[in-house]
């Protein structure tokens, strides 16, 4: 039973990582260096911490990008 739980957790973790990688591709950053990508994410994390306006602004940009998938 514990092995099944571990296997399921690993599958879930792997799927989440694949989805997160897809976001990098969708943002047009596929060929950027990993250090740049990490720097962008760390900077964004600091900028949105406690700033609901910035979170909303970035969420709107992301929602628009996802909405363009239907076109």
PDB file of N, CA and C in Angstrom:
ATOM      1  N   UNK A   1       0.830  -1.203   0.000  1.00  0.00           N
ATOM      2  CA  UNK A   1       0.000   0.000   0.000  1.00  0.00           C
ATOM      3  C   UNK A   1       0.866   1.256   0.000  1.00  0.00           C
ATOM      4  N   UNK A   2       1.899   1.283   0.841  1.00  0.00           N
ATOM      5  CA  UNK A   2       2.770   2.458   0.914  1.00  0.00           C
ATOM      6  C   UNK A   2       3.491   2.680  -0.409  1.00  0.00           C
ATOM      7  N   UNK A   3       3.852   1.587  -1.086  1.00  0.00           N
ATOM      8  CA  UNK A   3       4.543   1.720  -2.369  1.00  0.00           C
ATOM      9  C   UNK A   3       3.624   2.360  -3.413  1.00  0.00           C
ATOM     10  N   UNK A   4       2.346   1.987  -3.413  1.00  0.00           N
ATOM     11  CA  UNK A   4       1.382   2.575  -4.338  1.00  0.00           C
ATOM     12  C   UNK A   4       1.234   4.070  -4.074  1.00  0.00           C
ATOM     13  N   UNK A   5       1.168   4.441  -2.820  1.00  0.00           N
ATOM     14  CA  UNK A   5       1.056   5.853  -2.453  1.00  0.00           C
ATOM     15  C   UNK A   5       2.288   6.621  -2.927  1.00  0.00           C
ATOM     16  N   UNK A   6       3.451   6.039  -2.739  1.00  0.00           N
ATOM     17  CA  UNK A   6       4.696   6.676  -3.177  1.00  0.00           C
ATOM     18  C   UNK A   6       4.714   6.823  -4.692  1.00  0.00           C
ATOM     19  N   UNK A   7       4.303   5.787  -5.389  1.00  0.00           N
ATOM     20  CA  UNK A   7       4.266   5.825  -6.850  1.00  0.00           C
ATOM     21  C   UNK A   7       3.296   6.889  -7.338  1.00  0.00           C
ATOM     22  N   UNK A   8       2.139   6.963  -6.748  1.00  0.00           N
ATOM     23  CA  UNK A   8       1.154   7.976  -7.136  1.00  0.00           C
ATOM     24  C   UNK A   8       1.672   9.381  -6.858  1.00  0.00           C
ATOM     25  N   UNK A   9       2.327   9.567  -5.741  1.00  0.00           N
ATOM     26  CA  UNK A   9       2.887  10.880  -5.394  1.00  0.00           C
ATOM     27  C   UNK A   9       3.966  11.274  -6.399  1.00  0.00           C
ATOM     28  N   UNK A  10       4.786  10.318  -6.801  1.00  0.00           N
ATOM     29  CA  UNK A  10       5.834  10.607  -7.784  1.00  0.00           C
ATOM     30  C   UNK A  10       5.231  10.954  -9.140  1.00  0.00           C
ATOM     31  N   UNK A  11       4.181  10.245  -9.529  1.00  0.00           N
ATOM     32  CA  UNK A  11       3.515  10.538 -10.795  1.00  0.00           C
ATOM     33  C   UNK A  11       2.910  11.931 -10.772  1.00  0.00           C
ATOM     34  N   UNK A  12       2.280  12.277  -9.658  1.00  0.00           N
ATOM     35  CA  UNK A  12       1.670  13.607  -9.517  1.00  0.00           C
ATOM     36  C   UNK A  12       2.741  14.691  -9.590  1.00  0.00           C
ATOM     37  N   UNK A  13       3.865  14.467  -8.906  1.00  0.00           N
ATOM     38  CA  UNK A  13       4.969  15.424  -8.907  1.00  0.00           C
ATOM     39  C   UNK A  13       5.539  15.589 -10.318  1.00  0.00           C
ATOM     40  N   UNK A  14       5.708  14.486 -11.014  1.00  0.00           N
ATOM     41  CA  UNK A  14       6.236  14.531 -12.380  1.00  0.00           C
ATOM     42  C   UNK A  14       5.289  15.296 -13.293  1.00  0.00           C
ATOM     43  N   UNK A  15       4.002  15.032 -13.181  1.00  0.00           N
ATOM     44  CA  UNK A  15       3.015  15.722 -14.018  1.00  0.00           C
ATOM     45  C   UNK A  15       3.033  17.230 -13.762  1.00  0.00           C
ATOM     46  N   UNK A  16       3.135  17.605 -12.496  1.00  0.00           N
ATOM     47  CA  UNK A  16       3.177  19.027 -12.143  1.00  0.00           C
ATOM     48  C   UNK A  16       4.404  19.696 -12.753  1.00  0.00           C
ATOM     49  N   UNK A  17       5.548  19.039 -12.700  1.00  0.00           N
ATOM     50  CA  UNK A  17       6.778  19.598 -13.273  1.00  0.00           C
ATOM     51  C   UNK A  17       6.667  19.753 -14.785  1.00  0.00           C
ATOM     52  N   UNK A  18       6.045  18.779 -15.440  1.00  0.00           N
ATOM     53  CA  UNK A  18       5.837  18.873 -16.885  1.00  0.00           C
ATOM     54  C   UNK A  18       4.945  20.074 -17.206  1.00  0.00           C
ATOM     55  N   UNK A  19       3.878  20.247 -16.449  1.00  0.00           N
ATOM     56  CA  UNK A  19       2.980  21.383 -16.664  1.00  0.00           C
ATOM     57  C   UNK A  19       3.702  22.711 -16.449  1.00  0.00           C
ATOM     58  N   UNK A  20       4.535  22.785 -15.417  1.00  0.00           N
ATOM     59  CA  UNK A  20       5.281  24.016 -15.153  1.00  0.00           C
ATOM     60  C   UNK A  20       6.268  24.308 -16.280  1.00  0.00           C
ATOM     61  N   UNK A  21       6.894  23.279 -16.806  1.00  0.00           N
ATOM     62  CA  UNK A  21       7.780  23.451 -17.955  1.00  0.00           C
ATOM     63  C   UNK A  21       7.018  23.975 -19.158  1.00  0.00           C
ATOM     64  N   UNK A  22       5.782  23.516 -19.326  1.00  0.00           N
ATOM     65  CA  UNK A  22       4.946  23.998 -20.415  1.00  0.00           C
ATOM     66  C   UNK A  22       4.669  25.494 -20.308  1.00  0.00           C
ATOM     67  N   UNK A  23       4.585  25.994 -19.098  1.00  0.00           N
ATOM     68  CA  UNK A  23       4.386  27.431 -18.911  1.00  0.00           C
ATOM     69  C   UNK A  23       5.598  28.219 -19.409  1.00  0.00           C
ATOM     70  N   UNK A  24       6.775  27.698 -19.173  1.00  0.00           N
ATOM     71  CA  UNK A  24       8.004  28.349 -19.665  1.00  0.00           C
ATOM     72  C   UNK A  24       7.964  28.421 -21.193  1.00  0.00           C
ATOM     73  N   UNK A  25       7.582  27.322 -21.826  1.00  0.00           N
ATOM     74  CA  UNK A  25       7.482  27.277 -23.283  1.00  0.00           C
ATOM     75  C   UNK A  25       6.429  28.266 -23.766  1.00  0.00           C
ATOM     76  N   UNK A  26       5.253  28.263 -23.129  1.00  0.00           N
ATOM     77  CA  UNK A  26       4.157  29.145 -23.540  1.00  0.00           C
ATOM     78  C   UNK A  26       4.554  30.617 -23.420  1.00  0.00           C
ATOM     79  N   UNK A  27       5.385  30.926 -22.436  1.00  0.00           N
ATOM     80  CA  UNK A  27       5.834  32.310 -22.242  1.00  0.00           C
ATOM     81  C   UNK A  27       6.903  32.718 -23.255  1.00  0.00           C
ATOM     82  N   UNK A  28       7.326  31.774 -24.097  1.00  0.00           N
ATOM     83  CA  UNK A  28       8.333  32.098 -25.110  1.00  0.00           C
ATOM     84  C   UNK A  28       9.750  32.099 -24.569  1.00  0.00           C
ATOM     85  N   UNK A  29       9.962  31.384 -23.479  1.00  0.00           N
ATOM     86  CA  UNK A  29      11.275  31.404 -22.821  1.00  0.00           C
ATOM     87  C   UNK A  29      12.021  30.075 -22.938  1.00  0.00           C
ATOM     88  N   UNK A  30      11.602  29.235 -23.856  1.00  0.00           N
ATOM     89  CA  UNK A  30      12.166  27.887 -23.984  1.00  0.00           C
ATOM     90  C   UNK A  30      13.688  27.883 -24.107  1.00  0.00           C
ATOM     91  N   UNK A  31      14.252  28.811 -24.810  1.00  0.00           N
ATOM     92  CA  UNK A  31      15.682  28.762 -25.108  1.00  0.00           C
ATOM     93  C   UNK A  31      16.532  29.662 -24.212  1.00  0.00           C
ATOM     94  N   UNK A  32      15.937  30.219 -23.191  1.00  0.00           N
ATOM     95  CA  UNK A  32      16.694  31.045 -22.251  1.00  0.00           C
ATOM     96  C   UNK A  32      17.466  30.153 -21.275  1.00  0.00           C
ATOM     97  N   UNK A  33      18.538  30.706 -20.740  1.00  0.00           N
ATOM     98  CA  UNK A  33      19.336  29.955 -19.766  1.00  0.00           C
ATOM     99  C   UNK A  33      18.525  29.732 -18.492  1.00  0.00           C
ATOM    100  N   UNK A  34      18.753  28.600 -17.874  1.00  0.00           N
ATOM    101  CA  UNK A  34      18.030  28.267 -16.646  1.00  0.00           C
ATOM    102  C   UNK A  34      18.292  29.288 -15.547  1.00  0.00           C
ATOM    103  N   UNK A  35      19.504  29.831 -15.486  1.00  0.00           N
ATOM    104  CA  UNK A  35      19.794  30.823 -14.446  1.00  0.00           C
ATOM    105  C   UNK A  35      18.953  32.085 -14.656  1.00  0.00           C
ATOM    106  N   UNK A  36      18.732  32.460 -15.904  1.00  0.00           N
ATOM    107  CA  UNK A  36      17.881  33.615 -16.198  1.00  0.00           C
ATOM    108  C   UNK A  36      16.439  33.321 -15.781  1.00  0.00           C
ATOM    109  N   UNK A  37      15.949  32.147 -16.137  1.00  0.00           N
ATOM    110  CA  UNK A  37      14.573  31.775 -15.778  1.00  0.00           C
ATOM    111  C   UNK A  37      14.377  31.791 -14.272  1.00  0.00           C
ATOM    112  N   UNK A  38      15.328  31.220 -13.554  1.00  0.00           N
ATOM    113  CA  UNK A  38      15.219  31.209 -12.097  1.00  0.00           C
ATOM    114  C   UNK A  38      15.268  32.625 -11.550  1.00  0.00           C
ATOM    115  N   UNK A  39      16.141  33.456 -12.097  1.00  0.00           N
ATOM    116  CA  UNK A  39      16.204  34.847 -11.667  1.00  0.00           C
ATOM    117  C   UNK A  39      14.901  35.585 -11.899  1.00  0.00           C
ATOM    118  N   UNK A  40      14.284  35.357 -13.058  1.00  0.00           N
ATOM    119  CA  UNK A  40      12.987  35.978 -13.346  1.00  0.00           C
ATOM    120  C   UNK A  40      11.932  35.564 -12.328  1.00  0.00           C
ATOM    121  N   UNK A  41      11.902  34.277 -12.030  1.00  0.00           N
ATOM    122  CA  UNK A  41      10.900  33.767 -11.096  1.00  0.00           C
ATOM    123  C   UNK A  41      11.139  34.275  -9.675  1.00  0.00           C
ATOM    124  N   UNK A  42      12.386  34.333  -9.256  1.00  0.00           N
ATOM    125  CA  UNK A  42      12.700  34.847  -7.915  1.00  0.00           C
ATOM    126  C   UNK A  42      12.324  36.319  -7.818  1.00  0.00           C
ATOM    127  N   UNK A  43      12.660  37.085  -8.853  1.00  0.00           N
ATOM    128  CA  UNK A  43      12.323  38.505  -8.858  1.00  0.00           C
ATOM    129  C   UNK A  43      10.808  38.710  -8.822  1.00  0.00           C
ATOM    130  N   UNK A  44      10.095  37.940  -9.629  1.00  0.00           N
ATOM    131  CA  UNK A  44       8.636  38.060  -9.649  1.00  0.00           C
ATOM    132  C   UNK A  44       8.043  37.680  -8.294  1.00  0.00           C
ATOM    133  N   UNK A  45       8.592  36.650  -7.687  1.00  0.00           N
ATOM    134  CA  UNK A  45       8.109  36.222  -6.375  1.00  0.00           C
ATOM    135  C   UNK A  45       8.252  37.337  -5.346  1.00  0.00           C
ATOM    136  N   UNK A  46       9.368  38.025  -5.382  1.00  0.00           N
ATOM    137  CA  UNK A  46       9.587  39.144  -4.456  1.00  0.00           C
ATOM    138  C   UNK A  46       8.651  40.306  -4.755  1.00  0.00           C
ATOM    139  N   UNK A  47       8.425  40.577  -6.055  1.00  0.00           N
ATOM    140  CA  UNK A  47       7.582  41.713  -6.428  1.00  0.00           C
ATOM    141  C   UNK A  47       6.119  41.508  -6.077  1.00  0.00           C
ATOM    142  N   UNK A  48       5.641  40.259  -6.145  1.00  0.00           N
ATOM    143  CA  UNK A  48       4.216  40.041  -5.880  1.00  0.00           C
ATOM    144  C   UNK A  48       3.912  39.805  -4.413  1.00  0.00           C
ATOM    145  N   UNK A  49       4.935  39.544  -3.626  1.00  0.00           N
ATOM    146  CA  UNK A  49       4.711  39.282  -2.195  1.00  0.00           C
ATOM    147  C   UNK A  49       4.079  40.506  -1.550  1.00  0.00           C
ATOM    148  N   UNK A  50       2.830  40.366  -1.181  1.00  0.00           N
ATOM    149  CA  UNK A  50       2.131  41.445  -0.496  1.00  0.00           C
ATOM    150  C   UNK A  50       1.594  42.530  -1.416  1.00  0.00           C
ATOM    151  N   UNK A  51       1.767  42.379  -2.724  1.00  0.00           N
ATOM    152  CA  UNK A  51       1.306  43.402  -3.665  1.00  0.00           C
ATOM    153  C   UNK A  51       0.171  42.829  -4.508  1.00  0.00           C
ATOM    154  N   UNK A  52      -1.039  42.986  -4.015  1.00  0.00           N
ATOM    155  CA  UNK A  52      -2.199  42.409  -4.691  1.00  0.00           C
ATOM    156  C   UNK A  52      -2.442  43.029  -6.063  1.00  0.00           C
ATOM    157  N   UNK A  53      -2.077  44.285  -6.234  1.00  0.00           N
ATOM    158  CA  UNK A  53      -2.247  44.951  -7.527  1.00  0.00           C
ATOM    159  C   UNK A  53      -1.343  44.301  -8.569  1.00  0.00           C
ATOM    160  N   UNK A  54      -0.105  44.055  -8.209  1.00  0.00           N
ATOM    161  CA  UNK A  54       0.841  43.423  -9.133  1.00  0.00           C
ATOM    162  C   UNK A  54       0.419  41.979  -9.426  1.00  0.00           C
ATOM    163  N   UNK A  55      -0.057  41.266  -8.419  1.00  0.00           N
ATOM    164  CA  UNK A  55      -0.549  39.906  -8.629  1.00  0.00           C
ATOM    165  C   UNK A  55      -1.699  39.911  -9.631  1.00  0.00           C
ATOM    166  N   UNK A  56      -2.625  40.831  -9.460  1.00  0.00           N
ATOM    167  CA  UNK A  56      -3.783  40.918 -10.346  1.00  0.00           C
ATOM    168  C   UNK A  56      -3.356  41.273 -11.768  1.00  0.00           C
ATOM    169  N   UNK A  57      -2.411  42.181 -11.890  1.00  0.00           N
ATOM    170  CA  UNK A  57      -1.912  42.587 -13.212  1.00  0.00           C
ATOM    171  C   UNK A  57      -1.302  41.395 -13.939  1.00  0.00           C
ATOM    172  N   UNK A  58      -0.437  40.669 -13.240  1.00  0.00           N
ATOM    173  CA  UNK A  58       0.225  39.527 -13.860  1.00  0.00           C
ATOM    174  C   UNK A  58      -0.758  38.386 -14.137  1.00  0.00           C
ATOM    175  N   UNK A  59      -1.721  38.184 -13.244  1.00  0.00           N
ATOM    176  CA  UNK A  59      -2.735  37.155 -13.465  1.00  0.00           C
ATOM    177  C   UNK A  59      -3.571  37.472 -14.705  1.00  0.00           C
ATOM    178  N   UNK A  60      -3.860  38.743 -14.923  1.00  0.00           N
ATOM    179  CA  UNK A  60      -4.624  39.142 -16.108  1.00  0.00           C
ATOM    180  C   UNK A  60      -3.829  38.864 -17.385  1.00  0.00           C
ATOM    181  N   UNK A  61      -2.544  39.126 -17.355  1.00  0.00           N
ATOM    182  CA  UNK A  61      -1.694  38.829 -18.511  1.00  0.00           C
ATOM    183  C   UNK A  61      -1.696  37.325 -18.787  1.00  0.00           C
ATOM    184  N   UNK A  62      -1.563  36.529 -17.728  1.00  0.00           N
ATOM    185  CA  UNK A  62      -1.572  35.078 -17.877  1.00  0.00           C
ATOM    186  C   UNK A  62      -2.906  34.556 -18.374  1.00  0.00           C
ATOM    187  N   UNK A  63      -3.987  35.086 -17.826  1.00  0.00           N
ATOM    188  CA  UNK A  63      -5.324  34.652 -18.245  1.00  0.00           C
ATOM    189  C   UNK A  63      -5.548  34.971 -19.720  1.00  0.00           C
ATOM    190  N   UNK A  64      -5.071  36.120 -20.152  1.00  0.00           N
ATOM    191  CA  UNK A  64      -5.201  36.493 -21.575  1.00  0.00           C
ATOM    192  C   UNK A  64      -4.412  35.520 -22.447  1.00  0.00           C
ATOM    193  N   UNK A  65      -3.224  35.153 -22.005  1.00  0.00           N
ATOM    194  CA  UNK A  65      -2.410  34.198 -22.766  1.00  0.00           C
ATOM    195  C   UNK A  65      -3.093  32.837 -22.855  1.00  0.00           C
ATOM    196  N   UNK A  66      -3.693  32.375 -21.767  1.00  0.00           N
ATOM    197  CA  UNK A  66      -4.431  31.117 -21.800  1.00  0.00           C
ATOM    198  C   UNK A  66      -5.665  31.240 -22.677  1.00  0.00           C
ATOM    199  N   UNK A  67      -6.310  32.401 -22.644  1.00  0.00           N
ATOM    200  CA  UNK A  67      -7.487  32.625 -23.474  1.00  0.00           C
ATOM    201  C   UNK A  67      -7.172  32.585 -24.953  1.00  0.00           C
ATOM    202  N   UNK A  68      -5.971  32.983 -25.309  1.00  0.00           N
ATOM    203  CA  UNK A  68      -5.553  32.965 -26.722  1.00  0.00           C
ATOM    204  C   UNK A  68      -5.367  31.551 -27.248  1.00  0.00           C
ATOM    205  N   UNK A  69      -5.341  30.541 -26.364  1.00  0.00           N
ATOM    206  CA  UNK A  69      -5.234  29.150 -26.807  1.00  0.00           C
ATOM    207  C   UNK A  69      -6.434  28.732 -27.650  1.00  0.00           C
ATOM    208  N   UNK A  70      -7.578  29.333 -27.362  1.00  0.00           N
ATOM    209  CA  UNK A  70      -8.797  28.958 -28.055  1.00  0.00           C
ATOM    210  C   UNK A  70      -8.841  29.491 -29.476  1.00  0.00           C
ATOM    211  N   UNK A  71      -8.016  30.464 -29.749  1.00  0.00           N
ATOM    212  CA  UNK A  71      -8.030  31.099 -31.096  1.00  0.00           C
ATOM    213  C   UNK A  71      -7.245  30.297 -32.090  1.00  0.00           C
TER     214      UNK A  71
END
